[in-house]
Amino acid sequence: MTGRPALGPRPSAAATDVLTFGETMAALRADDPLIMGGPLRLSVAGAESNVAIGLARLGHRASWAGLTGTDEFGRLVRRTLRAEGVDLTHAGVTDAGPTGLVVFEPRVADRVRVSYYRGGSAGSRLAPDHLRAALSAGARIVHLTGVTAALGDGPRRAVETAARRAAEQGALVCLDVNHRARLWSREEAAEALRPLVRHVDVLIASEDELPLAAPAGAAGEDAQAAALLAQGVTEVIVKRGGAGAGAFTAQGCVSLPAVAVPVRDTVGAGDAFVAGYLSAVLDGEPLEARLERAVTTGAFAVASRGDWEGLPSRDELGLLRTAPESALR
């Protein structure tokens, strides 16, 4: 296998530690099935902004360069991200479409039904030009997801441009496949994401998402990871939910179990995992320590309600290693 040199923290002179962008929506959460009526809790949600919030809480400089509408939902998004310490210097506002909306509805047991209202939204208007200033300012890491690429031609081209520019500038490029079946098919996702791999340093995917980035001829997790490493990816990180996570590199594979916690809400766990992993990369931690921080932040997410609300600050990272039902005095 061949690949880029082992990961390490990029030069700190960049304007931000991590630059990301995408669609952040107003989020409504129901306690019961929608057909039963009842109250809805209003917050915000978005894969990339969840990662940015997680990184900001861990003490890193995180920048989000997405688009919101001129409406009150857009103001809520911007206010929330600013309150969480996320830099919005290069975020945009447009009157070409409303801020998107997502509704989370508990259906049965721990299954949550997600409904999107994002057709023609502000976030779907994102184009490469919106990212010019943010990319020119520089970042140590540029974090991309398949969610943004699924929103339309403009967002897809923005992801392609960001991946290429970031690689040219020497930034570490992280791609979370993050497939959303309600946004595009597996075939469409694979067609868009496979060409990006040549620019990617860290590729993150769940077990069922890995084939969407790996070459079509690769069968099985080991072969898919090997093929991605051969294309130049430095680390292939596989999220395994309650079974933990694994990391494939040219030196072999490392696996860690999940942190055992009561599960309250699995939405946002993957984004929390990414935030923990990138935080440890920025800190210059070795591979196993990066995985450990990732499974820890992922556990915080599933043990709390909401996409990002339960994510830890740096001094809270050890909380889940204390005895259950402990009083923190």
Protein backbone atom coordinates (compact mmCIF):
# COMPACT_ATOMS: atom_id res chain seq x y z
CA MET A 1 0.00 0.00 0.00
CA THR A 2 1.10 3.54 -0.64
CA GLY A 3 -0.15 6.73 0.90
CA ARG A 4 0.74 10.16 2.16
CA PRO A 5 2.99 10.56 5.21
CA ALA A 6 1.56 9.76 8.64
CA LEU A 7 -0.83 12.35 9.98
CA GLY A 8 0.33 15.15 12.19
CA PRO A 9 -0.86 18.63 13.09
CA ARG A 10 -0.57 21.09 10.20
CA PRO A 11 1.12 24.48 10.63
CA SER A 12 -0.76 26.67 13.12
CA ALA A 13 -0.46 29.89 11.09
CA ALA A 14 -3.73 29.15 9.27
CA ALA A 15 -6.75 31.32 10.04
CA THR A 16 -8.56 28.42 11.69
CA ASP A 17 -7.90 24.91 12.91
CA VAL A 18 -10.84 23.36 11.07
CA LEU A 19 -12.90 24.81 8.24
CA THR A 20 -16.17 23.18 7.32
CA PHE A 21 -19.34 24.17 5.52
CA GLY A 22 -22.75 22.80 4.59
CA GLU A 23 -26.38 23.24 5.50
CA THR A 24 -27.39 23.89 9.09
CA MET A 25 -31.14 23.73 9.59
CA ALA A 26 -33.67 24.62 12.20
CA ALA A 27 -34.48 21.37 14.00
CA LEU A 28 -37.80 20.40 15.56
CA ARG A 29 -37.83 17.42 17.95
CA ALA A 30 -40.99 15.63 19.01
CA ASP A 31 -41.42 13.53 22.14
CA ASP A 32 -44.15 11.44 20.50
CA PRO A 33 -45.15 10.49 16.93
CA LEU A 34 -46.18 13.62 15.06
CA ILE A 35 -49.65 12.28 14.34
CA MET A 36 -50.33 12.42 18.08
CA GLY A 37 -49.66 16.16 18.22
CA GLY A 38 -47.91 17.66 21.21
CA PRO A 39 -45.01 20.06 21.70
CA LEU A 40 -41.90 20.35 19.52
CA ARG A 41 -38.53 21.55 20.80
CA LEU A 42 -36.68 23.98 18.54
CA SER A 43 -32.92 23.83 18.05
CA VAL A 44 -30.51 23.63 15.11
CA ALA A 45 -28.82 20.70 13.39
CA GLY A 46 -26.37 20.03 10.59
CA ALA A 47 -23.61 17.46 10.16
CA GLU A 48 -20.81 19.94 9.61
CA SER A 49 -21.90 22.47 12.24
CA ASN A 50 -22.25 19.62 14.75
CA VAL A 51 -18.58 18.85 14.14
CA ALA A 52 -17.65 22.53 14.43
CA ILE A 53 -19.47 22.85 17.77
CA GLY A 54 -17.80 19.70 19.06
CA LEU A 55 -14.37 21.04 18.14
CA ALA A 56 -15.06 24.49 19.61
CA ARG A 57 -16.11 22.92 22.91
CA LEU A 58 -12.80 21.05 22.96
CA GLY A 59 -10.90 24.31 22.63
CA HIS A 60 -10.13 24.41 18.90
CA ARG A 61 -10.69 27.17 16.37
CA ALA A 62 -13.58 25.99 14.22
CA SER A 63 -15.03 27.90 11.27
CA TRP A 64 -18.32 27.22 9.47
CA ALA A 65 -18.80 28.76 6.02
CA GLY A 66 -22.31 27.67 5.06
CA LEU A 67 -25.34 29.64 3.90
CA THR A 68 -28.51 30.47 5.81
CA GLY A 69 -31.65 32.36 4.84
CA THR A 70 -32.64 35.84 5.94
CA ASP A 71 -35.47 34.38 8.04
CA GLU A 72 -35.74 33.84 11.79
CA PHE A 73 -34.56 30.24 11.48
CA GLY A 74 -31.39 31.54 9.85
CA ARG A 75 -30.89 34.01 12.67
CA LEU A 76 -31.33 31.16 15.15
CA VAL A 77 -28.67 29.11 13.36
CA ARG A 78 -26.16 31.95 13.34
CA ARG A 79 -26.88 32.93 16.94
CA THR A 80 -26.47 29.34 18.14
CA LEU A 81 -23.19 28.75 16.33
CA ARG A 82 -21.75 32.04 17.57
CA ALA A 83 -22.84 31.21 21.11
CA GLU A 84 -20.98 27.90 20.82
CA GLY A 85 -17.77 29.64 19.79
CA VAL A 86 -17.87 28.75 16.09
CA ASP A 87 -16.36 31.38 13.79
CA LEU A 88 -18.82 32.65 11.16
CA THR A 89 -16.54 35.17 9.46
CA HIS A 90 -17.05 33.48 6.09
CA ALA A 91 -20.65 32.30 6.54
CA GLY A 92 -23.18 33.75 4.12
CA VAL A 93 -26.81 34.88 4.17
CA THR A 94 -29.05 34.71 1.12
CA ASP A 95 -32.63 35.64 0.29
CA ALA A 96 -32.68 33.11 -2.57
CA GLY A 97 -34.21 30.44 -0.35
CA PRO A 98 -35.34 29.78 3.22
CA THR A 99 -33.26 28.18 5.94
CA GLY A 100 -33.86 24.42 5.83
CA LEU A 101 -35.89 22.52 8.40
CA VAL A 102 -35.49 19.01 9.82
CA VAL A 103 -38.00 17.20 12.05
CA PHE A 104 -37.02 14.33 14.36
CA GLU A 105 -39.85 12.00 15.35
CA PRO A 106 -39.54 9.01 17.71
CA ARG A 107 -41.29 6.10 16.07
CA VAL A 108 -40.66 2.86 17.95
CA ALA A 109 -38.06 1.87 20.56
CA ASP A 110 -34.90 3.81 19.66
CA ARG A 111 -35.86 4.30 15.99
CA VAL A 112 -36.18 7.94 14.98
CA ARG A 113 -37.86 9.05 11.76
CA VAL A 114 -36.24 12.11 10.15
CA SER A 115 -38.15 14.37 7.75
CA TYR A 116 -36.35 17.03 5.72
CA TYR A 117 -37.81 20.29 4.42
CA ARG A 118 -34.84 21.57 2.49
CA GLY A 119 -35.87 21.65 -1.19
CA GLY A 120 -34.77 24.99 -2.64
CA SER A 121 -33.29 25.99 0.71
CA ALA A 122 -30.59 28.56 1.32
CA GLY A 123 -28.06 25.79 1.95
CA SER A 124 -28.80 24.19 -1.40
CA ARG A 125 -27.70 27.46 -3.09
CA LEU A 126 -24.11 27.03 -1.91
CA ALA A 127 -21.57 27.29 -4.75
CA PRO A 128 -17.75 27.34 -5.03
CA ASP A 129 -17.64 31.15 -5.03
CA HIS A 130 -19.09 31.23 -1.52
CA LEU A 131 -16.00 29.45 -0.22
CA ARG A 132 -13.31 31.51 -1.96
CA ALA A 133 -12.47 33.76 1.00
CA ALA A 134 -12.62 30.95 3.56
CA LEU A 135 -10.30 28.73 1.54
CA SER A 136 -7.92 31.61 0.85
CA ALA A 137 -7.65 32.33 4.57
CA GLY A 138 -6.42 28.78 5.12
CA ALA A 139 -7.14 26.02 7.60
CA ARG A 140 -5.14 23.24 9.17
CA ILE A 141 -7.98 20.81 8.40
CA VAL A 142 -10.81 21.09 5.88
CA HIS A 143 -13.71 18.81 6.82
CA LEU A 144 -16.17 17.71 4.13
CA THR A 145 -19.23 15.46 4.15
CA GLY A 146 -21.35 13.61 1.65
CA VAL A 147 -24.41 15.40 3.01
CA THR A 148 -23.42 18.68 1.37
CA ALA A 149 -22.54 17.02 -1.92
CA ALA A 150 -26.04 15.51 -1.96
CA LEU A 151 -27.82 18.87 -1.87
CA GLY A 152 -27.45 19.71 -5.57
CA ASP A 153 -25.02 20.68 -8.30
CA GLY A 154 -23.74 23.85 -6.61
CA PRO A 155 -23.00 22.23 -3.24
CA ARG A 156 -21.41 19.24 -4.97
CA ARG A 157 -19.08 21.52 -6.94
CA ALA A 158 -18.31 23.41 -3.72
CA VAL A 159 -17.21 20.16 -2.07
CA GLU A 160 -15.08 19.23 -5.08
CA THR A 161 -13.47 22.67 -5.16
CA ALA A 162 -12.78 22.66 -1.42
CA ALA A 163 -11.19 19.20 -1.55
CA ARG A 164 -8.91 20.18 -4.42
CA ARG A 165 -7.94 23.60 -3.05
CA ALA A 166 -7.33 22.33 0.46
CA ALA A 167 -5.04 19.56 -0.82
CA GLU A 168 -3.12 22.07 -2.96
CA GLN A 169 -2.64 24.31 0.07
CA GLY A 170 -1.32 21.48 2.24
CA ALA A 171 -4.31 21.29 4.57
CA LEU A 172 -5.40 17.93 5.89
CA VAL A 173 -8.59 16.90 4.07
CA CYS A 174 -11.15 14.86 6.00
CA LEU A 175 -14.18 13.34 4.25
CA ASP A 176 -17.07 11.81 6.18
CA VAL A 177 -19.16 9.80 3.70
CA ASN A 178 -22.28 10.38 5.83
CA HIS A 179 -24.76 8.92 3.36
CA ARG A 180 -28.36 10.15 3.59
CA ALA A 181 -30.65 7.83 1.67
CA ARG A 182 -33.43 10.43 1.60
CA LEU A 183 -31.16 12.86 -0.23
CA TRP A 184 -29.59 10.62 -2.88
CA SER A 185 -29.10 7.02 -3.92
CA ARG A 186 -26.04 4.94 -3.18
CA GLU A 187 -25.16 5.00 -6.87
CA GLU A 188 -25.31 8.81 -7.00
CA ALA A 189 -23.24 9.08 -3.84
CA ALA A 190 -20.55 6.74 -5.14
CA GLU A 191 -20.34 8.63 -8.44
CA ALA A 192 -19.76 11.91 -6.60
CA LEU A 193 -17.52 10.76 -3.76
CA ARG A 194 -15.10 8.32 -5.39
CA PRO A 195 -13.37 11.04 -7.46
CA LEU A 196 -12.75 13.05 -4.26
CA VAL A 197 -10.66 10.30 -2.69
CA ARG A 198 -7.45 11.37 -4.43
CA HIS A 199 -7.52 14.59 -2.35
CA VAL A 200 -8.46 12.96 0.98
CA ASP A 201 -6.14 12.25 3.93
CA VAL A 202 -8.70 10.92 6.42
CA LEU A 203 -11.77 9.07 5.17
CA ILE A 204 -14.48 8.29 7.72
CA ALA A 205 -17.40 5.98 7.04
CA SER A 206 -19.67 3.49 8.71
CA GLU A 207 -19.35 -0.11 7.58
CA ASP A 208 -22.20 0.18 5.07
CA GLU A 209 -20.88 3.52 3.72
CA LEU A 210 -17.34 2.36 2.96
CA PRO A 211 -18.29 0.90 -0.47
CA LEU A 212 -19.50 4.36 -1.57
CA ALA A 213 -15.94 5.72 -1.45
CA ALA A 214 -13.91 2.59 -2.27
CA PRO A 215 -13.33 1.46 -5.87
CA ALA A 216 -16.22 -0.55 -7.28
CA GLY A 217 -14.18 -3.74 -7.59
CA ALA A 218 -13.19 -3.91 -3.91
CA ALA A 219 -15.27 -6.41 -1.90
CA GLY A 220 -15.21 -6.56 1.88
CA GLU A 221 -14.00 -4.08 4.48
CA ASP A 222 -10.34 -5.09 4.41
CA ALA A 223 -10.13 -4.93 0.62
CA GLN A 224 -12.01 -1.63 0.48
CA ALA A 225 -9.73 -0.05 3.07
CA ALA A 226 -6.64 -1.37 1.28
CA ALA A 227 -7.86 0.06 -2.03
CA LEU A 228 -8.46 3.48 -0.45
CA LEU A 229 -5.00 3.50 1.12
CA ALA A 230 -3.53 2.58 -2.25
CA GLN A 231 -5.24 5.65 -3.73
CA GLY A 232 -3.41 7.90 -1.27
CA VAL A 233 -5.72 8.07 1.75
CA THR A 234 -3.59 8.04 4.91
CA GLU A 235 -6.23 6.75 7.33
CA VAL A 236 -9.52 4.94 6.76
CA ILE A 237 -11.69 5.19 9.87
CA VAL A 238 -14.66 2.85 10.17
CA LYS A 239 -17.46 3.71 12.61
CA ARG A 240 -19.10 0.57 14.01
CA GLY A 241 -21.71 2.07 16.31
CA GLY A 242 -22.07 0.09 19.51
CA ALA A 243 -19.16 -2.12 18.47
CA GLY A 244 -16.68 0.76 18.50
CA ALA A 245 -14.43 1.79 15.63
CA GLY A 246 -11.45 0.72 13.58
CA ALA A 247 -8.63 2.56 11.81
CA PHE A 248 -6.79 1.22 8.77
CA THR A 249 -3.37 2.62 7.87
CA ALA A 250 -0.40 1.42 5.85
CA GLN A 251 0.92 -0.06 9.12
CA GLY A 252 -2.17 -2.18 9.79
CA CYS A 253 -5.50 -1.95 11.61
CA VAL A 254 -6.31 -0.73 15.13
CA SER A 255 -9.73 -1.29 16.73
CA LEU A 256 -11.31 0.04 19.93
CA PRO A 257 -14.62 -0.87 21.58
CA ALA A 258 -17.33 1.69 22.16
CA VAL A 259 -17.69 3.37 25.54
CA ALA A 260 -20.68 1.71 27.25
CA VAL A 261 -23.38 4.26 28.11
CA PRO A 262 -27.18 4.28 28.30
CA VAL A 263 -28.41 5.18 24.81
CA ARG A 264 -30.80 8.13 24.71
CA ASP A 265 -30.42 9.45 21.15
CA THR A 266 -28.15 8.17 18.37
CA VAL A 267 -28.64 11.18 16.10
CA GLY A 268 -25.42 13.18 15.83
CA ALA A 269 -23.20 10.41 17.20
CA GLY A 270 -21.20 10.15 13.99
CA ASP A 271 -20.53 13.89 13.94
CA ALA A 272 -19.44 13.77 17.58
CA PHE A 273 -17.09 10.91 16.70
CA VAL A 274 -15.54 13.01 13.91
CA ALA A 275 -15.11 16.01 16.22
CA GLY A 276 -13.27 13.87 18.77
CA TYR A 277 -11.06 12.31 16.14
CA LEU A 278 -10.07 15.61 14.53
CA SER A 279 -9.50 17.18 17.95
CA ALA A 280 -6.94 14.49 18.76
CA VAL A 281 -5.32 14.91 15.33
CA LEU A 282 -4.90 18.63 16.07
CA ASP A 283 -3.37 17.75 19.42
CA GLY A 284 -0.83 15.49 17.71
CA GLU A 285 -2.08 12.35 19.45
CA PRO A 286 -1.15 8.87 18.16
CA LEU A 287 -3.67 6.73 16.31
CA GLU A 288 -5.10 4.77 19.23
CA ALA A 289 -5.55 7.95 21.28
CA ARG A 290 -7.38 9.55 18.34
CA LEU A 291 -9.77 6.62 18.21
CA GLU A 292 -10.25 6.71 21.98
CA ARG A 293 -11.25 10.38 21.93
CA ALA A 294 -13.57 9.71 19.00
CA VAL A 295 -15.45 6.86 20.69
CA THR A 296 -15.63 8.97 23.86
CA THR A 297 -17.22 11.99 22.18
CA GLY A 298 -19.52 9.65 20.27
CA ALA A 299 -20.63 8.16 23.59
CA PHE A 300 -21.42 11.63 24.96
CA ALA A 301 -23.69 12.15 21.96
CA VAL A 302 -25.68 8.93 22.30
CA ALA A 303 -26.05 9.41 26.06
CA SER A 304 -27.64 12.86 25.51
CA ARG A 305 -30.64 14.15 23.58
CA GLY A 306 -30.02 16.36 20.55
CA ASP A 307 -27.46 16.51 17.77
CA TRP A 308 -24.80 18.44 19.68
CA GLU A 309 -26.22 19.62 22.99
CA GLY A 310 -24.50 16.96 25.11
CA LEU A 311 -21.02 17.23 23.58
CA PRO A 312 -18.22 17.60 26.13
CA SER A 313 -15.77 20.35 26.90
CA ARG A 314 -12.15 19.28 27.20
CA ASP A 315 -12.26 19.00 30.98
CA GLU A 316 -15.29 16.70 30.73
CA LEU A 317 -13.71 14.06 28.50
CA GLY A 318 -13.05 11.77 31.45
CA LEU A 319 -16.59 11.90 32.86
CA LEU A 320 -17.76 8.68 31.22
CA ARG A 321 -14.89 6.78 32.81
CA THR A 322 -16.27 7.50 36.30
CA ALA A 323 -18.59 5.06 38.08
CA PRO A 324 -22.25 5.14 36.95
CA GLU A 325 -24.58 7.29 39.06
CA SER A 326 -21.60 9.19 40.51
CA ALA A 327 -22.18 12.60 42.05
CA LEU A 328 -19.53 14.99 40.77
CA ARG A 329 -18.61 17.11 43.79
